[in-house]
Amino acid sequence: MLVDTKEMFKKAYEGGYAVGAFNVNNMEIIQGIMEACNEKKAPVILQISKGARDYASSIYLTKLIEAAIEQYPHIPVAMHLDHGPDFELAKLSVDDGYSSVMIDASHDPYEENVRRTKEVVDYAHSKNVVVEAELGQLIGEQFDSGEGGAMGEGIYTDPDQAVEFVQRTGCDSLAVAIGTSHGAYKFTKGEPQLDFERLERICEKLPNYPLVLHGASSVIPEFVELCNQYGGEIPNAKGVPEEMISRAAKMGVCKVNIDTDIRLAMTGTIRKAIMDNPSNFDPRKYLGPARDAVKEMVMHKLDILGNVGRI
């Protein structure tokens, strides 16, 4: 069933776990995610980015998600716009039937972030759609930067400012910056480290308020190795250790975004299938195994997040 994230996050906060938010680009990804959630009895957030909309068009992705909901009516599913860059796309997504949208104005000056976020909140709430916003800045692929997770103090989310931001904008959840980064090359300047003390302060100042962790793929080594073994060039890829994700999920983080791990699982599996059988030209014979790899990877992630047996 299509839902927003309010009840989903309330249960996650009280239960000390996080809901997986998985980016989707095609049918096989959606099928793999839903099969995993069905086996694990887990609610899920299916995320559509601007890039995914541009690639597949919103109508194809929304219809695929509608099909998934029809096939698994017992699974609570939120359809979410990930990293909406402006009011226009957020409005379009609300009008397209999304149950949740994100406005990401985190790289604007603070007052402009407040203004743009509130503009989206006002429209979305008038249509009974929830809004995620972001305060603080993550570095990585999303902003075409080659830098990793080592960020200066000014980019991390300020706890006091977070309280004011939520009060002034009325956003329903907040993505915070505590050291994660986008892409497959996190923590390239040192050992993985998240600012859990900062996260704890934000939670204390915003009790029972759902926080979101972006850039949280763990860049699973087996899939990196699989990609590289079959002709890929992904050197020195590094992600967020899974024990850190589990810890954050027990501390008020109710939503964890996962995209890179899906890409790696699919790409590595497809590379292997094609090289193992180079005469094959039936896409089902490499997309099928890729779908299975997504399913297994998502099942593993649900265990890490504690999002098992929740429906």
C-alpha atoms as a PDB file:
ATOM      1  CA  MET A   1       0.000   0.000   0.000  1.00  0.00           C
ATOM      2  CA  LEU A   2       1.183   3.507  -0.786  1.00  0.00           C
ATOM      3  CA  VAL A   3       1.818   5.502   2.386  1.00  0.00           C
ATOM      4  CA  ASP A   4       3.671   8.588   3.498  1.00  0.00           C
ATOM      5  CA  THR A   5       6.501   8.262   6.002  1.00  0.00           C
ATOM      6  CA  LYS A   6       4.869   9.641   9.150  1.00  0.00           C
ATOM      7  CA  GLU A   7       3.747   6.370  10.709  1.00  0.00           C
ATOM      8  CA  MET A   8       6.720   4.561   9.204  1.00  0.00           C
ATOM      9  CA  PHE A   9       9.164   6.895  10.968  1.00  0.00           C
ATOM     10  CA  LYS A  10       7.196   6.938  14.226  1.00  0.00           C
ATOM     11  CA  LYS A  11       7.508   3.152  14.472  1.00  0.00           C
ATOM     12  CA  ALA A  12      11.167   3.247  13.436  1.00  0.00           C
ATOM     13  CA  TYR A  13      12.042   5.847  16.064  1.00  0.00           C
ATOM     14  CA  GLU A  14      10.267   3.951  18.805  1.00  0.00           C
ATOM     15  CA  GLY A  15      11.726   0.632  17.662  1.00  0.00           C
ATOM     16  CA  GLY A  16      15.305   1.834  17.271  1.00  0.00           C
ATOM     17  CA  TYR A  17      15.683   0.912  13.613  1.00  0.00           C
ATOM     18  CA  ALA A  18      15.794   2.670  10.249  1.00  0.00           C
ATOM     19  CA  VAL A  19      13.758   2.214   7.083  1.00  0.00           C
ATOM     20  CA  GLY A  20      15.761   1.532   3.945  1.00  0.00           C
ATOM     21  CA  ALA A  21      15.347   4.118   1.190  1.00  0.00           C
ATOM     22  CA  PHE A  22      16.481   2.581  -2.085  1.00  0.00           C
ATOM     23  CA  ASN A  23      16.939   4.454  -5.345  1.00  0.00           C
ATOM     24  CA  VAL A  24      15.162   2.906  -8.322  1.00  0.00           C
ATOM     25  CA  ASN A  25      15.846   3.305 -12.034  1.00  0.00           C
ATOM     26  CA  ASN A  26      14.198   0.325 -13.730  1.00  0.00           C
ATOM     27  CA  MET A  27      11.909  -2.676 -13.307  1.00  0.00           C
ATOM     28  CA  GLU A  28      14.546  -5.157 -12.124  1.00  0.00           C
ATOM     29  CA  ILE A  29      15.697  -2.903  -9.285  1.00  0.00           C
ATOM     30  CA  ILE A  30      12.127  -2.418  -8.063  1.00  0.00           C
ATOM     31  CA  GLN A  31      11.405  -6.150  -8.284  1.00  0.00           C
ATOM     32  CA  GLY A  32      14.565  -7.075  -6.384  1.00  0.00           C
ATOM     33  CA  ILE A  33      13.839  -4.581  -3.613  1.00  0.00           C
ATOM     34  CA  MET A  34      10.218  -5.652  -3.228  1.00  0.00           C
ATOM     35  CA  GLU A  35      11.081  -9.364  -3.184  1.00  0.00           C
ATOM     36  CA  ALA A  36      13.580  -8.660  -0.401  1.00  0.00           C
ATOM     37  CA  CYS A  37      11.077  -6.618   1.618  1.00  0.00           C
ATOM     38  CA  ASN A  38       8.458  -9.328   1.192  1.00  0.00           C
ATOM     39  CA  GLU A  39      10.791 -11.987   2.609  1.00  0.00           C
ATOM     40  CA  LYS A  40      12.005  -9.739   5.434  1.00  0.00           C
ATOM     41  CA  LYS A  41       8.542  -8.287   6.177  1.00  0.00           C
ATOM     42  CA  ALA A  42       9.897  -4.768   5.918  1.00  0.00           C
ATOM     43  CA  PRO A  43       8.340  -1.413   4.991  1.00  0.00           C
ATOM     44  CA  VAL A  44      10.301   0.425   2.313  1.00  0.00           C
ATOM     45  CA  ILE A  45      10.909   3.776   0.650  1.00  0.00           C
ATOM     46  CA  LEU A  46      11.374   3.656  -3.129  1.00  0.00           C
ATOM     47  CA  GLN A  47      13.264   6.763  -4.196  1.00  0.00           C
ATOM     48  CA  ILE A  48      13.194   8.449  -7.584  1.00  0.00           C
ATOM     49  CA  SER A  49      15.880  11.026  -8.293  1.00  0.00           C
ATOM     50  CA  LYS A  50      15.828  13.737 -10.939  1.00  0.00           C
ATOM     51  CA  GLY A  51      18.295  11.611 -12.891  1.00  0.00           C
ATOM     52  CA  ALA A  52      15.989   8.597 -12.710  1.00  0.00           C
ATOM     53  CA  ARG A  53      13.056  10.699 -13.899  1.00  0.00           C
ATOM     54  CA  ASP A  54      15.144  11.996 -16.792  1.00  0.00           C
ATOM     55  CA  TYR A  55      16.269   8.464 -17.668  1.00  0.00           C
ATOM     56  CA  ALA A  56      13.041   6.500 -17.412  1.00  0.00           C
ATOM     57  CA  SER A  57      10.443   9.290 -17.136  1.00  0.00           C
ATOM     58  CA  SER A  58       8.301   9.594 -14.050  1.00  0.00           C
ATOM     59  CA  ILE A  59       5.280   7.842 -15.527  1.00  0.00           C
ATOM     60  CA  TYR A  60       7.171   4.594 -16.159  1.00  0.00           C
ATOM     61  CA  LEU A  61       8.633   4.533 -12.670  1.00  0.00           C
ATOM     62  CA  THR A  62       5.378   5.449 -10.936  1.00  0.00           C
ATOM     63  CA  LYS A  63       3.506   2.757 -12.889  1.00  0.00           C
ATOM     64  CA  LEU A  64       6.168   0.178 -11.980  1.00  0.00           C
ATOM     65  CA  ILE A  65       5.827   1.153  -8.316  1.00  0.00           C
ATOM     66  CA  GLU A  66       2.043   0.916  -8.607  1.00  0.00           C
ATOM     67  CA  ALA A  67       2.492  -2.608  -9.971  1.00  0.00           C
ATOM     68  CA  ALA A  68       4.771  -3.471  -7.041  1.00  0.00           C
ATOM     69  CA  ILE A  69       2.178  -2.181  -4.582  1.00  0.00           C
ATOM     70  CA  GLU A  70      -0.529  -4.222  -6.296  1.00  0.00           C
ATOM     71  CA  GLN A  71       1.635  -7.351  -6.119  1.00  0.00           C
ATOM     72  CA  TYR A  72       2.589  -6.783  -2.466  1.00  0.00           C
ATOM     73  CA  PRO A  73      -0.376  -4.897  -0.946  1.00  0.00           C
ATOM     74  CA  HIS A  74       0.714  -5.784   2.601  1.00  0.00           C
ATOM     75  CA  ILE A  75       4.026  -3.899   2.307  1.00  0.00           C
ATOM     76  CA  PRO A  76       3.922  -0.195   3.250  1.00  0.00           C
ATOM     77  CA  VAL A  77       5.655   1.659   0.398  1.00  0.00           C
ATOM     78  CA  ALA A  78       6.512   5.347   0.280  1.00  0.00           C
ATOM     79  CA  MET A  79       7.234   6.799  -3.168  1.00  0.00           C
ATOM     80  CA  HIS A  80       9.775   9.542  -2.627  1.00  0.00           C
ATOM     81  CA  LEU A  81      11.481  12.234  -4.696  1.00  0.00           C
ATOM     82  CA  ASP A  82      15.168  12.071  -3.804  1.00  0.00           C
ATOM     83  CA  HIS A  83      17.234  15.293  -3.830  1.00  0.00           C
ATOM     84  CA  GLY A  84      14.661  17.472  -5.553  1.00  0.00           C
ATOM     85  CA  PRO A  85      16.674  20.480  -6.747  1.00  0.00           C
ATOM     86  CA  ASP A  86      13.863  23.036  -6.948  1.00  0.00           C
ATOM     87  CA  PHE A  87      10.241  23.841  -6.216  1.00  0.00           C
ATOM     88  CA  GLU A  88       9.146  23.020  -9.764  1.00  0.00           C
ATOM     89  CA  LEU A  89      10.272  19.381  -9.626  1.00  0.00           C
ATOM     90  CA  ALA A  90       8.947  18.928  -6.099  1.00  0.00           C
ATOM     91  CA  LYS A  91       5.551  20.288  -7.172  1.00  0.00           C
ATOM     92  CA  LEU A  92       5.526  18.074 -10.257  1.00  0.00           C
ATOM     93  CA  SER A  93       6.318  15.027  -8.125  1.00  0.00           C
ATOM     94  CA  VAL A  94       3.539  15.855  -5.672  1.00  0.00           C
ATOM     95  CA  ASP A  95       1.151  16.221  -8.596  1.00  0.00           C
ATOM     96  CA  ASP A  96       2.411  12.903 -10.026  1.00  0.00           C
ATOM     97  CA  GLY A  97       1.255  11.101  -6.886  1.00  0.00           C
ATOM     98  CA  TYR A  98       4.447  10.782  -4.872  1.00  0.00           C
ATOM     99  CA  SER A  99       3.716  10.397  -1.164  1.00  0.00           C
ATOM    100  CA  SER A 100       6.960  12.103  -0.064  1.00  0.00           C
ATOM    101  CA  VAL A 101       9.316  14.641  -1.620  1.00  0.00           C
ATOM    102  CA  MET A 102      12.713  16.045  -0.751  1.00  0.00           C
ATOM    103  CA  ILE A 103      13.828  19.586  -1.429  1.00  0.00           C
ATOM    104  CA  ASP A 104      17.598  19.853  -1.253  1.00  0.00           C
ATOM    105  CA  ALA A 105      18.640  23.477  -0.915  1.00  0.00           C
ATOM    106  CA  SER A 106      21.513  22.581   1.419  1.00  0.00           C
ATOM    107  CA  HIS A 107      24.135  24.210  -0.792  1.00  0.00           C
ATOM    108  CA  ASP A 108      22.333  27.535  -0.703  1.00  0.00           C
ATOM    109  CA  PRO A 109      22.928  30.090   2.065  1.00  0.00           C
ATOM    110  CA  TYR A 110      20.968  29.234   5.198  1.00  0.00           C
ATOM    111  CA  GLU A 111      18.179  31.791   4.758  1.00  0.00           C
ATOM    112  CA  GLU A 112      17.668  30.744   1.151  1.00  0.00           C
ATOM    113  CA  ASN A 113      17.523  27.094   2.260  1.00  0.00           C
ATOM    114  CA  VAL A 114      14.819  28.041   4.761  1.00  0.00           C
ATOM    115  CA  ARG A 115      12.854  30.003   2.156  1.00  0.00           C
ATOM    116  CA  ARG A 116      12.989  27.344  -0.552  1.00  0.00           C
ATOM    117  CA  THR A 117      12.218  24.519   1.859  1.00  0.00           C
ATOM    118  CA  LYS A 118       9.196  26.303   3.312  1.00  0.00           C
ATOM    119  CA  GLU A 119       7.877  26.985  -0.192  1.00  0.00           C
ATOM    120  CA  VAL A 120       7.881  23.244  -0.917  1.00  0.00           C
ATOM    121  CA  VAL A 121       6.468  22.381   2.517  1.00  0.00           C
ATOM    122  CA  ASP A 122       3.548  24.765   2.076  1.00  0.00           C
ATOM    123  CA  TYR A 123       2.567  23.249  -1.262  1.00  0.00           C
ATOM    124  CA  ALA A 124       3.202  19.606  -0.348  1.00  0.00           C
ATOM    125  CA  HIS A 125       1.325  19.831   2.951  1.00  0.00           C
ATOM    126  CA  SER A 126      -1.655  21.327   1.127  1.00  0.00           C
ATOM    127  CA  LYS A 127      -1.765  18.039  -0.812  1.00  0.00           C
ATOM    128  CA  ASN A 128      -1.089  15.821   2.249  1.00  0.00           C
ATOM    129  CA  VAL A 129       2.436  14.968   1.097  1.00  0.00           C
ATOM    130  CA  VAL A 130       5.371  14.939   3.524  1.00  0.00           C
ATOM    131  CA  VAL A 131       8.659  16.761   2.969  1.00  0.00           C
ATOM    132  CA  GLU A 132      12.280  15.897   3.683  1.00  0.00           C
ATOM    133  CA  ALA A 133      14.848  18.693   3.751  1.00  0.00           C
ATOM    134  CA  GLU A 134      18.605  18.852   4.271  1.00  0.00           C
ATOM    135  CA  LEU A 135      20.794  21.007   6.503  1.00  0.00           C
ATOM    136  CA  GLY A 136      24.552  20.721   6.191  1.00  0.00           C
ATOM    137  CA  GLN A 137      26.462  19.587   3.135  1.00  0.00           C
ATOM    138  CA  LEU A 138      27.572  16.202   1.883  1.00  0.00           C
ATOM    139  CA  ILE A 139      30.382  15.949  -0.630  1.00  0.00           C
ATOM    140  CA  GLY A 140      30.483  13.465  -3.462  1.00  0.00           C
ATOM    141  CA  GLU A 141      29.071  12.443  -6.826  1.00  0.00           C
ATOM    142  CA  GLN A 142      25.863  14.398  -6.428  1.00  0.00           C
ATOM    143  CA  PHE A 143      27.799  17.664  -6.686  1.00  0.00           C
ATOM    144  CA  ASP A 144      30.426  16.491  -9.174  1.00  0.00           C
ATOM    145  CA  SER A 145      33.190  16.608  -6.597  1.00  0.00           C
ATOM    146  CA  GLY A 146      35.981  14.097  -6.297  1.00  0.00           C
ATOM    147  CA  GLU A 147      36.401  14.717  -2.604  1.00  0.00           C
ATOM    148  CA  GLY A 148      35.608  12.137   0.046  1.00  0.00           C
ATOM    149  CA  GLY A 149      34.095  12.257   3.491  1.00  0.00           C
ATOM    150  CA  ALA A 150      36.657  14.415   5.299  1.00  0.00           C
ATOM    151  CA  MET A 151      34.725  17.648   5.726  1.00  0.00           C
ATOM    152  CA  GLY A 152      35.292  20.821   7.691  1.00  0.00           C
ATOM    153  CA  GLU A 153      33.292  21.851  10.741  1.00  0.00           C
ATOM    154  CA  GLY A 154      31.239  24.371   8.790  1.00  0.00           C
ATOM    155  CA  ILE A 155      29.694  21.679   6.572  1.00  0.00           C
ATOM    156  CA  TYR A 156      28.413  19.457   9.355  1.00  0.00           C
ATOM    157  CA  THR A 157      24.880  20.093  10.607  1.00  0.00           C
ATOM    158  CA  ASP A 158      24.743  22.532  13.514  1.00  0.00           C
ATOM    159  CA  PRO A 159      22.391  21.144  16.214  1.00  0.00           C
ATOM    160  CA  ASP A 160      20.998  24.516  17.296  1.00  0.00           C
ATOM    161  CA  GLN A 161      20.467  25.604  13.724  1.00  0.00           C
ATOM    162  CA  ALA A 162      18.692  22.308  13.023  1.00  0.00           C
ATOM    163  CA  VAL A 163      16.070  23.120  15.657  1.00  0.00           C
ATOM    164  CA  GLU A 164      15.443  26.561  14.188  1.00  0.00           C
ATOM    165  CA  PHE A 165      15.346  25.175  10.657  1.00  0.00           C
ATOM    166  CA  VAL A 166      12.697  22.576  11.490  1.00  0.00           C
ATOM    167  CA  GLN A 167      10.602  25.136  13.358  1.00  0.00           C
ATOM    168  CA  ARG A 168      10.757  27.724  10.578  1.00  0.00           C
ATOM    169  CA  THR A 169      10.179  25.380   7.635  1.00  0.00           C
ATOM    170  CA  GLY A 170       7.840  22.768   9.079  1.00  0.00           C
ATOM    171  CA  CYS A 171       9.679  19.973   7.235  1.00  0.00           C
ATOM    172  CA  ASP A 172       8.719  16.453   8.319  1.00  0.00           C
ATOM    173  CA  SER A 173      12.216  14.918   8.361  1.00  0.00           C
ATOM    174  CA  LEU A 174      15.738  16.254   8.118  1.00  0.00           C
ATOM    175  CA  ALA A 175      18.812  14.890   6.387  1.00  0.00           C
ATOM    176  CA  VAL A 176      21.852  15.712   8.495  1.00  0.00           C
ATOM    177  CA  ALA A 177      25.553  15.827   7.684  1.00  0.00           C
ATOM    178  CA  ILE A 178      27.685  13.931  10.202  1.00  0.00           C
ATOM    179  CA  GLY A 179      30.444  12.647   7.937  1.00  0.00           C
ATOM    180  CA  THR A 180      28.873  10.502   5.209  1.00  0.00           C
ATOM    181  CA  SER A 181      29.326  11.316   1.522  1.00  0.00           C
ATOM    182  CA  HIS A 182      27.835  10.441  -1.838  1.00  0.00           C
ATOM    183  CA  GLY A 183      29.313   7.952  -4.286  1.00  0.00           C
ATOM    184  CA  ALA A 184      31.729   5.039  -4.053  1.00  0.00           C
ATOM    185  CA  TYR A 185      34.752   6.976  -2.829  1.00  0.00           C
ATOM    186  CA  LYS A 186      33.988   7.906   0.748  1.00  0.00           C
ATOM    187  CA  PHE A 187      36.667   8.612   3.368  1.00  0.00           C
ATOM    188  CA  THR A 188      39.442   8.824   0.781  1.00  0.00           C
ATOM    189  CA  LYS A 189      41.430  11.066   3.118  1.00  0.00           C
ATOM    190  CA  GLY A 190      41.390   8.844   6.174  1.00  0.00           C
ATOM    191  CA  GLU A 191      39.631   6.190   8.195  1.00  0.00           C
ATOM    192  CA  PRO A 192      35.821   6.086   8.261  1.00  0.00           C
ATOM    193  CA  GLN A 193      34.463   8.305  10.999  1.00  0.00           C
ATOM    194  CA  LEU A 194      30.984   9.607  11.757  1.00  0.00           C
ATOM    195  CA  ASP A 195      30.262  12.313  14.308  1.00  0.00           C
ATOM    196  CA  PHE A 196      27.979  10.375  16.627  1.00  0.00           C
ATOM    197  CA  GLU A 197      28.336  12.992  19.358  1.00  0.00           C
ATOM    198  CA  ARG A 198      26.850  15.568  16.991  1.00  0.00           C
ATOM    199  CA  LEU A 199      24.069  13.154  16.023  1.00  0.00           C
ATOM    200  CA  GLU A 200      23.272  12.616  19.693  1.00  0.00           C
ATOM    201  CA  ARG A 201      23.078  16.387  20.300  1.00  0.00           C
ATOM    202  CA  ILE A 202      20.718  16.838  17.361  1.00  0.00           C
ATOM    203  CA  CYS A 203      18.489  14.043  18.689  1.00  0.00           C
ATOM    204  CA  GLU A 204      18.445  15.602  22.153  1.00  0.00           C
ATOM    205  CA  LYS A 205      17.399  18.965  20.729  1.00  0.00           C
ATOM    206  CA  LEU A 206      14.845  17.409  18.353  1.00  0.00           C
ATOM    207  CA  PRO A 207      13.343  14.575  20.429  1.00  0.00           C
ATOM    208  CA  ASN A 208      11.242  12.039  18.523  1.00  0.00           C
ATOM    209  CA  TYR A 209      12.004  13.843  15.273  1.00  0.00           C
ATOM    210  CA  PRO A 210      13.022  11.632  12.313  1.00  0.00           C
ATOM    211  CA  LEU A 211      16.513  12.200  10.945  1.00  0.00           C
ATOM    212  CA  VAL A 212      17.846  10.954   7.617  1.00  0.00           C
ATOM    213  CA  LEU A 213      21.283   9.720   6.614  1.00  0.00           C
ATOM    214  CA  HIS A 214      22.357  10.279   3.014  1.00  0.00           C
ATOM    215  CA  GLY A 215      25.512   8.950   1.391  1.00  0.00           C
ATOM    216  CA  ALA A 216      25.276   5.831   3.539  1.00  0.00           C
ATOM    217  CA  SER A 217      26.104   3.014   1.122  1.00  0.00           C
ATOM    218  CA  SER A 218      28.769   0.726   2.539  1.00  0.00           C
ATOM    219  CA  VAL A 219      30.275   0.075  -0.930  1.00  0.00           C
ATOM    220  CA  ILE A 220      30.256  -3.679  -0.306  1.00  0.00           C
ATOM    221  CA  PRO A 221      33.745  -4.983  -1.152  1.00  0.00           C
ATOM    222  CA  GLU A 222      32.546  -8.189  -2.821  1.00  0.00           C
ATOM    223  CA  PHE A 223      30.682  -6.218  -5.465  1.00  0.00           C
ATOM    224  CA  VAL A 224      33.572  -3.821  -6.017  1.00  0.00           C
ATOM    225  CA  GLU A 225      35.841  -6.847  -6.478  1.00  0.00           C
ATOM    226  CA  LEU A 226      33.309  -8.461  -8.814  1.00  0.00           C
ATOM    227  CA  CYS A 227      33.172  -5.337 -10.973  1.00  0.00           C
ATOM    228  CA  ASN A 228      36.955  -5.109 -11.110  1.00  0.00           C
ATOM    229  CA  GLN A 229      37.416  -8.838 -11.737  1.00  0.00           C
ATOM    230  CA  TYR A 230      35.275  -8.643 -14.861  1.00  0.00           C
ATOM    231  CA  GLY A 231      36.813  -5.601 -16.487  1.00  0.00           C
ATOM    232  CA  GLY A 232      35.737  -2.766 -14.213  1.00  0.00           C
ATOM    233  CA  GLU A 233      37.911   0.101 -13.028  1.00  0.00           C
ATOM    234  CA  ILE A 234      36.762   1.060  -9.535  1.00  0.00           C
ATOM    235  CA  PRO A 235      39.988   1.473  -7.554  1.00  0.00           C
ATOM    236  CA  ASN A 236      40.143   2.358  -3.859  1.00  0.00           C
ATOM    237  CA  ALA A 237      36.363   2.447  -3.384  1.00  0.00           C
ATOM    238  CA  LYS A 238      35.366   2.739   0.245  1.00  0.00           C
ATOM    239  CA  GLY A 239      32.037   3.172   2.014  1.00  0.00           C
ATOM    240  CA  VAL A 240      30.495   3.647   5.447  1.00  0.00           C
ATOM    241  CA  PRO A 241      31.146   0.629   7.707  1.00  0.00           C
ATOM    242  CA  GLU A 242      27.914  -1.194   8.383  1.00  0.00           C
ATOM    243  CA  GLU A 243      28.359  -1.178  12.143  1.00  0.00           C
ATOM    244  CA  MET A 244      28.245   2.637  11.967  1.00  0.00           C
ATOM    245  CA  ILE A 245      24.988   2.507  10.010  1.00  0.00           C
ATOM    246  CA  SER A 246      23.490   0.124  12.583  1.00  0.00           C
ATOM    247  CA  ARG A 247      24.538   2.453  15.392  1.00  0.00           C
ATOM    248  CA  ALA A 248      22.998   5.496  13.694  1.00  0.00           C
ATOM    249  CA  ALA A 249      19.758   3.577  13.165  1.00  0.00           C
ATOM    250  CA  LYS A 250      19.460   3.167  16.931  1.00  0.00           C
ATOM    251  CA  MET A 251      20.015   6.896  17.566  1.00  0.00           C
ATOM    252  CA  GLY A 252      17.123   8.648  15.824  1.00  0.00           C
ATOM    253  CA  VAL A 253      18.063   8.060  12.192  1.00  0.00           C
ATOM    254  CA  CYS A 254      14.811   6.684  10.760  1.00  0.00           C
ATOM    255  CA  LYS A 255      15.745   6.649   7.061  1.00  0.00           C
ATOM    256  CA  VAL A 256      18.976   5.535   5.416  1.00  0.00           C
ATOM    257  CA  ASN A 257      19.542   6.197   1.714  1.00  0.00           C
ATOM    258  CA  ILE A 258      21.158   3.436  -0.368  1.00  0.00           C
ATOM    259  CA  ASP A 259      21.988   3.862  -4.048  1.00  0.00           C
ATOM    260  CA  THR A 260      25.646   3.088  -4.781  1.00  0.00           C
ATOM    261  CA  ASP A 261      25.405  -0.447  -3.369  1.00  0.00           C
ATOM    262  CA  ILE A 262      22.521  -1.195  -5.757  1.00  0.00           C
ATOM    263  CA  ARG A 263      24.548   0.066  -8.709  1.00  0.00           C
ATOM    264  CA  LEU A 264      27.562  -2.024  -7.741  1.00  0.00           C
ATOM    265  CA  ALA A 265      25.506  -5.186  -7.185  1.00  0.00           C
ATOM    266  CA  MET A 266      23.828  -4.861 -10.566  1.00  0.00           C
ATOM    267  CA  THR A 267      26.919  -3.845 -12.498  1.00  0.00           C
ATOM    268  CA  GLY A 268      29.186  -6.533 -11.081  1.00  0.00           C
ATOM    269  CA  THR A 269      26.621  -9.265 -11.693  1.00  0.00           C
ATOM    270  CA  ILE A 270      25.896  -8.115 -15.243  1.00  0.00           C
ATOM    271  CA  ARG A 271      29.619  -7.919 -16.048  1.00  0.00           C
ATOM    272  CA  LYS A 272      30.127 -11.472 -14.822  1.00  0.00           C
ATOM    273  CA  ALA A 273      27.116 -12.864 -16.700  1.00  0.00           C
ATOM    274  CA  ILE A 274      28.183 -11.307 -19.985  1.00  0.00           C
ATOM    275  CA  MET A 275      31.817 -12.356 -19.714  1.00  0.00           C
ATOM    276  CA  ASP A 276      30.908 -15.876 -18.593  1.00  0.00           C
ATOM    277  CA  ASN A 277      28.638 -16.260 -21.616  1.00  0.00           C
ATOM    278  CA  PRO A 278      29.773 -13.788 -24.303  1.00  0.00           C
ATOM    279  CA  SER A 279      27.586 -15.412 -26.963  1.00  0.00           C
ATOM    280  CA  ASN A 280      24.415 -14.568 -25.056  1.00  0.00           C
ATOM    281  CA  PHE A 281      22.284 -11.707 -26.347  1.00  0.00           C
ATOM    282  CA  ASP A 282      19.183 -12.349 -24.240  1.00  0.00           C
ATOM    283  CA  PRO A 283      18.965  -9.503 -21.686  1.00  0.00           C
ATOM    284  CA  ARG A 284      16.902 -11.678 -19.356  1.00  0.00           C
ATOM    285  CA  LYS A 285      19.945 -13.870 -18.805  1.00  0.00           C
ATOM    286  CA  TYR A 286      21.980 -11.032 -17.311  1.00  0.00           C
ATOM    287  CA  LEU A 287      19.220  -8.801 -15.914  1.00  0.00           C
ATOM    288  CA  GLY A 288      17.674 -11.759 -14.079  1.00  0.00           C
ATOM    289  CA  PRO A 289      20.844 -12.525 -12.089  1.00  0.00           C
ATOM    290  CA  ALA A 290      21.275  -8.768 -11.503  1.00  0.00           C
ATOM    291  CA  ARG A 291      17.773  -8.621 -10.026  1.00  0.00           C
ATOM    292  CA  ASP A 292      18.640 -11.536  -7.737  1.00  0.00           C
ATOM    293  CA  ALA A 293      21.813  -9.726  -6.634  1.00  0.00           C
ATOM    294  CA  VAL A 294      19.798  -6.621  -5.765  1.00  0.00           C
ATOM    295  CA  LYS A 295      17.395  -8.757  -3.734  1.00  0.00           C
ATOM    296  CA  GLU A 296      20.186 -10.425  -1.740  1.00  0.00           C
ATOM    297  CA  MET A 297      21.947  -7.123  -1.143  1.00  0.00           C
ATOM    298  CA  VAL A 298      18.739  -5.416   0.034  1.00  0.00           C
ATOM    299  CA  MET A 299      17.951  -8.316   2.377  1.00  0.00           C
ATOM    300  CA  HIS A 300      21.397  -7.858   3.915  1.00  0.00           C
ATOM    301  CA  LYS A 301      20.832  -4.108   4.281  1.00  0.00           C
ATOM    302  CA  LEU A 302      17.487  -4.640   5.999  1.00  0.00           C
ATOM    303  CA  ASP A 303      19.260  -6.796   8.581  1.00  0.00           C
ATOM    304  CA  ILE A 304      21.841  -4.046   9.139  1.00  0.00           C
ATOM    305  CA  LEU A 305      19.122  -1.408   9.572  1.00  0.00           C
ATOM    306  CA  GLY A 306      17.098  -3.595  11.937  1.00  0.00           C
ATOM    307  CA  ASN A 307      14.155  -3.257   9.544  1.00  0.00           C
ATOM    308  CA  VAL A 308      13.011  -6.880   9.681  1.00  0.00           C
ATOM    309  CA  GLY A 309       9.626  -8.231  10.779  1.00  0.00           C
ATOM    310  CA  ARG A 310       8.188  -4.736  11.039  1.00  0.00           C
ATOM    311  CA  ILE A 311       4.922  -5.368   9.172  1.00  0.00           C
END
